[in-house]
Amino acid sequence: MKADLGALMKQAQKMQSEMQQAKEELNSLEVTGEAGGGMVRLTMTCGHEVRRVDIDPALLGDDKDMLEDVLVAAFNDALRKVESTTQERFSGLAGGLGLPGGLKLPF
């Protein structure tokens, strides 16, 4: 019993270390969300830091509402990509622990 508990603790410590390393890697990994057929591109890290916003000059006209809507759509697209990338990266780390499926990582 003690050997099983010790092995489980070592496995948990290894997973914690791997999760920390993955988190650091994700904080520097960039994804780009697009909207308006690519007229607006928003680049953010998987740590949710917006790095760049590129707007096609054709959108800088008088239609402020449309520009705002396209910016929101690009931001939301980038967020979905961040969540997907993060989930993919962390899903493999918990595989050896036998955690239930659908558990969102990191905790």
C-alpha atoms as a PDB file:
ATOM      1  CA  MET A   1       0.000   0.000   0.000  1.00  0.00           C
ATOM      2  CA  LYS A   2       2.811   2.433   0.918  1.00  0.00           C
ATOM      3  CA  ALA A   3       4.610   1.646  -2.343  1.00  0.00           C
ATOM      4  CA  ASP A   4       1.446   2.440  -4.320  1.00  0.00           C
ATOM      5  CA  LEU A   5       0.997   5.727  -2.476  1.00  0.00           C
ATOM      6  CA  GLY A   6       4.646   6.648  -3.002  1.00  0.00           C
ATOM      7  CA  ALA A   7       4.413   5.891  -6.713  1.00  0.00           C
ATOM      8  CA  LEU A   8       1.241   7.931  -6.989  1.00  0.00           C
ATOM      9  CA  MET A   9       2.890  10.873  -5.210  1.00  0.00           C
ATOM     10  CA  LYS A  10       5.901  10.710  -7.550  1.00  0.00           C
ATOM     11  CA  GLN A  11       3.581  10.591 -10.550  1.00  0.00           C
ATOM     12  CA  ALA A  12       1.622  13.590  -9.232  1.00  0.00           C
ATOM     13  CA  GLN A  13       4.829  15.574  -8.665  1.00  0.00           C
ATOM     14  CA  LYS A  14       6.022  14.738 -12.179  1.00  0.00           C
ATOM     15  CA  MET A  15       2.671  15.828 -13.616  1.00  0.00           C
ATOM     16  CA  GLN A  16       2.788  19.079 -11.631  1.00  0.00           C
ATOM     17  CA  SER A  17       6.248  19.825 -13.015  1.00  0.00           C
ATOM     18  CA  GLU A  18       5.128  19.030 -16.566  1.00  0.00           C
ATOM     19  CA  MET A  19       2.040  21.225 -16.150  1.00  0.00           C
ATOM     20  CA  GLN A  20       4.183  24.147 -15.000  1.00  0.00           C
ATOM     21  CA  GLN A  21       6.485  23.690 -17.989  1.00  0.00           C
ATOM     22  CA  ALA A  22       3.491  23.456 -20.354  1.00  0.00           C
ATOM     23  CA  LYS A  23       1.992  26.617 -18.841  1.00  0.00           C
ATOM     24  CA  GLU A  24       5.231  28.513 -19.434  1.00  0.00           C
ATOM     25  CA  GLU A  25       5.342  27.276 -23.033  1.00  0.00           C
ATOM     26  CA  LEU A  26       1.718  28.280 -23.587  1.00  0.00           C
ATOM     27  CA  ASN A  27       2.329  31.783 -22.246  1.00  0.00           C
ATOM     28  CA  SER A  28       4.703  32.384 -25.158  1.00  0.00           C
ATOM     29  CA  LEU A  29       2.676  30.517 -27.809  1.00  0.00           C
ATOM     30  CA  GLU A  30       0.670  32.856 -30.058  1.00  0.00           C
ATOM     31  CA  VAL A  31      -2.611  32.260 -31.887  1.00  0.00           C
ATOM     32  CA  THR A  32      -4.358  34.565 -34.340  1.00  0.00           C
ATOM     33  CA  GLY A  33      -8.094  35.138 -34.489  1.00  0.00           C
ATOM     34  CA  GLU A  34      -9.640  36.521 -37.655  1.00  0.00           C
ATOM     35  CA  ALA A  35     -12.932  38.083 -38.637  1.00  0.00           C
ATOM     36  CA  GLY A  36     -14.432  39.895 -41.595  1.00  0.00           C
ATOM     37  CA  GLY A  37     -12.769  37.593 -44.079  1.00  0.00           C
ATOM     38  CA  GLY A  38      -9.346  38.333 -42.602  1.00  0.00           C
ATOM     39  CA  MET A  39      -9.842  42.105 -42.551  1.00  0.00           C
ATOM     40  CA  VAL A  40      -9.249  42.081 -38.797  1.00  0.00           C
ATOM     41  CA  ARG A  41      -6.592  39.877 -37.218  1.00  0.00           C
ATOM     42  CA  LEU A  42      -5.942  39.738 -33.494  1.00  0.00           C
ATOM     43  CA  THR A  43      -2.878  37.913 -32.150  1.00  0.00           C
ATOM     44  CA  MET A  44      -2.753  36.823 -28.523  1.00  0.00           C
ATOM     45  CA  THR A  45      -0.717  34.436 -26.426  1.00  0.00           C
ATOM     46  CA  CYS A  46      -2.212  31.350 -24.835  1.00  0.00           C
ATOM     47  CA  GLY A  47      -1.700  33.283 -21.600  1.00  0.00           C
ATOM     48  CA  HIS A  48      -4.487  35.632 -22.816  1.00  0.00           C
ATOM     49  CA  GLU A  49      -2.196  38.585 -23.575  1.00  0.00           C
ATOM     50  CA  VAL A  50      -3.135  40.475 -26.744  1.00  0.00           C
ATOM     51  CA  ARG A  51       0.016  41.161 -28.752  1.00  0.00           C
ATOM     52  CA  ARG A  52      -1.264  42.700 -31.994  1.00  0.00           C
ATOM     53  CA  VAL A  53      -4.375  43.959 -33.729  1.00  0.00           C
ATOM     54  CA  ASP A  54      -4.227  44.361 -37.509  1.00  0.00           C
ATOM     55  CA  ILE A  55      -7.100  46.214 -39.193  1.00  0.00           C
ATOM     56  CA  ASP A  56      -7.507  46.510 -42.935  1.00  0.00           C
ATOM     57  CA  PRO A  57      -7.600  50.246 -43.765  1.00  0.00           C
ATOM     58  CA  ALA A  58     -10.867  49.714 -45.676  1.00  0.00           C
ATOM     59  CA  LEU A  59     -12.603  49.170 -42.319  1.00  0.00           C
ATOM     60  CA  LEU A  60     -11.521  52.533 -40.946  1.00  0.00           C
ATOM     61  CA  GLY A  61     -14.368  54.391 -42.628  1.00  0.00           C
ATOM     62  CA  ASP A  62     -17.461  55.808 -41.011  1.00  0.00           C
ATOM     63  CA  ASP A  63     -19.045  52.522 -39.867  1.00  0.00           C
ATOM     64  CA  LYS A  64     -17.778  52.442 -36.297  1.00  0.00           C
ATOM     65  CA  ASP A  65     -20.344  49.826 -35.226  1.00  0.00           C
ATOM     66  CA  MET A  66     -19.215  47.362 -37.896  1.00  0.00           C
ATOM     67  CA  LEU A  67     -15.556  47.823 -36.946  1.00  0.00           C
ATOM     68  CA  GLU A  68     -16.384  47.194 -33.277  1.00  0.00           C
ATOM     69  CA  ASP A  69     -18.349  44.049 -34.180  1.00  0.00           C
ATOM     70  CA  VAL A  70     -15.512  42.684 -36.311  1.00  0.00           C
ATOM     71  CA  LEU A  71     -12.976  43.386 -33.545  1.00  0.00           C
ATOM     72  CA  VAL A  72     -15.142  41.507 -31.032  1.00  0.00           C
ATOM     73  CA  ALA A  73     -15.497  38.584 -33.438  1.00  0.00           C
ATOM     74  CA  ALA A  74     -11.716  38.426 -34.007  1.00  0.00           C
ATOM     75  CA  PHE A  75     -11.082  38.549 -30.262  1.00  0.00           C
ATOM     76  CA  ASN A  76     -13.587  35.753 -29.620  1.00  0.00           C
ATOM     77  CA  ASP A  77     -12.058  33.664 -32.407  1.00  0.00           C
ATOM     78  CA  ALA A  78      -8.618  34.070 -30.819  1.00  0.00           C
ATOM     79  CA  LEU A  79     -10.011  33.103 -27.399  1.00  0.00           C
ATOM     80  CA  ARG A  80     -11.527  29.910 -28.810  1.00  0.00           C
ATOM     81  CA  LYS A  81      -8.168  29.041 -30.358  1.00  0.00           C
ATOM     82  CA  VAL A  82      -6.391  29.713 -27.050  1.00  0.00           C
ATOM     83  CA  GLU A  83      -8.794  27.441 -25.176  1.00  0.00           C
ATOM     84  CA  SER A  84      -8.473  24.682 -27.772  1.00  0.00           C
ATOM     85  CA  THR A  85      -4.672  24.880 -27.810  1.00  0.00           C
ATOM     86  CA  THR A  86      -4.519  24.884 -24.011  1.00  0.00           C
ATOM     87  CA  GLN A  87      -6.870  21.929 -23.715  1.00  0.00           C
ATOM     88  CA  GLU A  88      -4.859  19.942 -26.276  1.00  0.00           C
ATOM     89  CA  ARG A  89      -1.596  20.644 -24.471  1.00  0.00           C
ATOM     90  CA  PHE A  90      -2.855  19.688 -21.028  1.00  0.00           C
ATOM     91  CA  SER A  91      -4.957  16.680 -22.051  1.00  0.00           C
ATOM     92  CA  GLY A  92      -1.909  14.476 -22.542  1.00  0.00           C
ATOM     93  CA  LEU A  93      -0.398  15.336 -19.175  1.00  0.00           C
ATOM     94  CA  ALA A  94      -3.136  13.796 -17.048  1.00  0.00           C
ATOM     95  CA  GLY A  95      -3.468  10.626 -19.116  1.00  0.00           C
ATOM     96  CA  GLY A  96      -1.332   8.548 -16.762  1.00  0.00           C
ATOM     97  CA  LEU A  97      -3.305   9.460 -13.650  1.00  0.00           C
ATOM     98  CA  GLY A  98      -6.563   7.913 -14.756  1.00  0.00           C
ATOM     99  CA  LEU A  99      -8.589  11.082 -14.205  1.00  0.00           C
ATOM    100  CA  PRO A 100     -12.160  11.138 -15.462  1.00  0.00           C
ATOM    101  CA  GLY A 101     -12.750  12.276 -19.043  1.00  0.00           C
ATOM    102  CA  GLY A 102     -13.950  15.822 -19.575  1.00  0.00           C
ATOM    103  CA  LEU A 103     -11.975  17.193 -16.639  1.00  0.00           C
ATOM    104  CA  LYS A 104     -10.782  20.693 -17.532  1.00  0.00           C
ATOM    105  CA  LEU A 105      -7.091  21.235 -17.023  1.00  0.00           C
ATOM    106  CA  PRO A 106      -5.279  23.151 -15.671  1.00  0.00           C
ATOM    107  CA  PHE A 107      -7.242  23.083 -12.455  1.00  0.00           C
END
